[in-house]
Amino acid sequence: MIGMLNWYERVMLATKADYEGETLMWTSDTICYRPGGVGTACDVASVLDLWSYDRAALEADGDVLATIQAGFAQGSAATDALGRPLSAKALIGGADTQVPGELTSAQALRLLFRAQNNEVKMES
């Protein structure tokens, strides 16, 4: 989980990248789709929502698997930052449930992110 959080911080929170000899810069405000408008949460969902993308909370969690199991248990109130229920089918791939309803392992974790389309078409 720490690896996924590291990726999220490195990629999703990035503000610049080098591409074909140029340094491109941006802010999350310009690429992040916010269905509630400016000042609301980005449209992103992953198992990291169970810790609110908070490194200290994740590192302090003594049983990450139990947190995931509880977060995706039937009737759980776990949501993303926009208040939508988290979906194990959408966010966990190759889930192994040796005991019905109890996740024991997974092959992949998915992070869903909707980007804002700021394309400007110019007449030539």
Protein backbone atom coordinates (compact mmCIF):
# COMPACT_ATOMS: atom_id res chain seq x y z
CA MET A 1 0.00 0.00 0.00
CA ILE A 2 2.87 2.35 0.71
CA GLY A 3 4.09 1.73 -2.85
CA MET A 4 0.70 2.75 -4.22
CA LEU A 5 0.70 5.87 -2.05
CA ASN A 6 4.24 6.68 -3.24
CA TRP A 7 3.04 6.38 -6.86
CA TYR A 8 0.00 8.57 -6.12
CA GLU A 9 2.18 11.27 -4.56
CA ARG A 10 4.79 11.10 -7.34
CA VAL A 11 2.38 11.02 -10.29
CA MET A 12 -0.98 12.41 -9.21
CA LEU A 13 0.43 15.28 -7.17
CA ALA A 14 3.15 16.15 -9.69
CA THR A 15 3.33 19.71 -10.99
CA LYS A 16 5.98 19.33 -13.69
CA ALA A 17 7.47 16.80 -16.08
CA ASP A 18 10.17 16.77 -18.73
CA TYR A 19 8.89 15.81 -22.18
CA GLU A 20 10.87 15.91 -25.42
CA GLY A 21 13.38 18.39 -24.03
CA GLU A 22 10.77 20.70 -22.51
CA THR A 23 9.69 21.10 -18.92
CA LEU A 24 5.92 21.16 -18.72
CA MET A 25 4.29 22.67 -15.63
CA TRP A 26 0.72 22.58 -14.34
CA THR A 27 -1.38 22.65 -11.19
CA SER A 28 -3.89 20.03 -10.10
CA ASP A 29 -6.56 22.70 -10.58
CA THR A 30 -5.95 22.67 -14.33
CA ILE A 31 -6.04 18.90 -14.85
CA CYS A 32 -8.22 17.57 -12.05
CA TYR A 33 -11.92 17.11 -12.86
CA ARG A 34 -13.99 18.44 -9.97
CA PRO A 35 -17.67 17.50 -10.45
CA GLY A 36 -18.66 19.84 -7.60
CA GLY A 37 -16.78 22.79 -9.09
CA VAL A 38 -13.78 24.81 -7.95
CA GLY A 39 -12.76 24.17 -4.35
CA THR A 40 -14.25 20.66 -4.19
CA ALA A 41 -12.47 17.30 -4.25
CA CYS A 42 -10.93 15.82 -7.40
CA ASP A 43 -12.72 12.87 -8.96
CA VAL A 44 -10.34 10.13 -7.83
CA ALA A 45 -11.03 6.78 -6.19
CA SER A 46 -8.84 3.95 -4.90
CA VAL A 47 -8.35 1.78 -1.83
CA LEU A 48 -6.24 4.68 -0.52
CA ASP A 49 -9.55 6.43 0.21
CA LEU A 50 -9.77 4.14 3.25
CA TRP A 51 -6.95 6.23 4.75
CA SER A 52 -7.95 9.50 3.02
CA TYR A 53 -4.60 9.40 1.15
CA ASP A 54 -2.95 10.21 4.50
CA ARG A 55 0.54 8.69 4.76
CA ALA A 56 0.61 8.88 8.58
CA ALA A 57 -2.75 7.10 8.85
CA LEU A 58 -1.63 4.35 6.47
CA GLU A 59 1.74 3.89 8.20
CA ALA A 60 0.01 3.74 11.61
CA ASP A 61 -2.43 1.06 10.44
CA GLY A 62 -1.36 -2.18 12.11
CA ASP A 63 -3.52 -4.38 9.85
CA VAL A 64 -3.93 -2.97 6.35
CA LEU A 65 -5.72 -6.09 5.08
CA ALA A 66 -8.29 -5.87 7.89
CA THR A 67 -8.90 -2.21 7.03
CA ILE A 68 -9.45 -3.12 3.38
CA GLN A 69 -11.75 -6.01 4.31
CA ALA A 70 -13.80 -3.75 6.59
CA GLY A 71 -13.89 -0.98 3.99
CA PHE A 72 -15.32 -3.26 1.33
CA ALA A 73 -17.55 -5.39 3.56
CA GLN A 74 -21.22 -5.46 2.64
CA GLY A 75 -22.95 -2.56 4.35
CA SER A 76 -19.71 -0.61 4.82
CA ALA A 77 -20.01 3.17 4.82
CA ALA A 78 -16.57 3.66 3.19
CA THR A 79 -16.66 6.36 0.51
CA ASP A 80 -14.33 8.34 -1.70
CA ALA A 81 -13.74 12.07 -1.19
CA LEU A 82 -16.92 12.83 -3.16
CA GLY A 83 -19.05 10.68 -0.86
CA ARG A 84 -19.57 7.81 -3.32
CA PRO A 85 -19.44 4.26 -1.93
CA LEU A 86 -16.18 2.45 -2.69
CA SER A 87 -16.52 -0.54 -5.05
CA ALA A 88 -14.22 -3.54 -4.62
CA LYS A 89 -15.06 -4.68 -8.17
CA ALA A 90 -13.91 -1.34 -9.57
CA LEU A 91 -10.80 -0.94 -7.41
CA ILE A 92 -9.44 -4.46 -6.71
CA GLY A 93 -8.41 -6.83 -9.50
CA GLY A 94 -7.88 -10.56 -9.21
CA ALA A 95 -9.34 -10.67 -5.73
CA ASP A 96 -9.02 -13.99 -3.89
CA THR A 97 -11.70 -14.65 -1.33
CA GLN A 98 -10.97 -18.05 0.21
CA VAL A 99 -13.69 -17.34 2.75
CA PRO A 100 -16.81 -15.88 1.08
CA GLY A 101 -16.81 -12.10 1.47
CA GLU A 102 -13.30 -12.01 2.98
CA LEU A 103 -10.45 -10.73 0.81
CA THR A 104 -7.23 -12.69 1.32
CA SER A 105 -5.17 -11.38 -1.61
CA ALA A 106 -5.37 -9.40 -4.85
CA GLN A 107 -3.38 -9.24 -8.07
CA ALA A 108 -3.92 -5.54 -8.74
CA LEU A 109 -5.18 -2.32 -7.24
CA ARG A 110 -6.73 0.34 -9.45
CA LEU A 111 -6.71 4.11 -9.02
CA LEU A 112 -9.45 5.88 -10.97
CA PHE A 113 -8.79 9.51 -11.90
CA ARG A 114 -10.86 11.74 -14.15
CA ALA A 115 -8.94 14.50 -15.87
CA GLN A 116 -10.36 17.86 -16.90
CA ASN A 117 -10.38 18.45 -20.66
CA ASN A 118 -8.99 21.95 -21.20
CA GLU A 119 -8.47 21.56 -24.94
CA VAL A 120 -8.77 24.79 -26.90
CA LYS A 121 -9.51 24.42 -30.60
CA MET A 122 -8.07 27.15 -32.79
CA GLU A 123 -9.34 28.02 -36.23
CA SER A 124 -6.56 27.92 -38.81
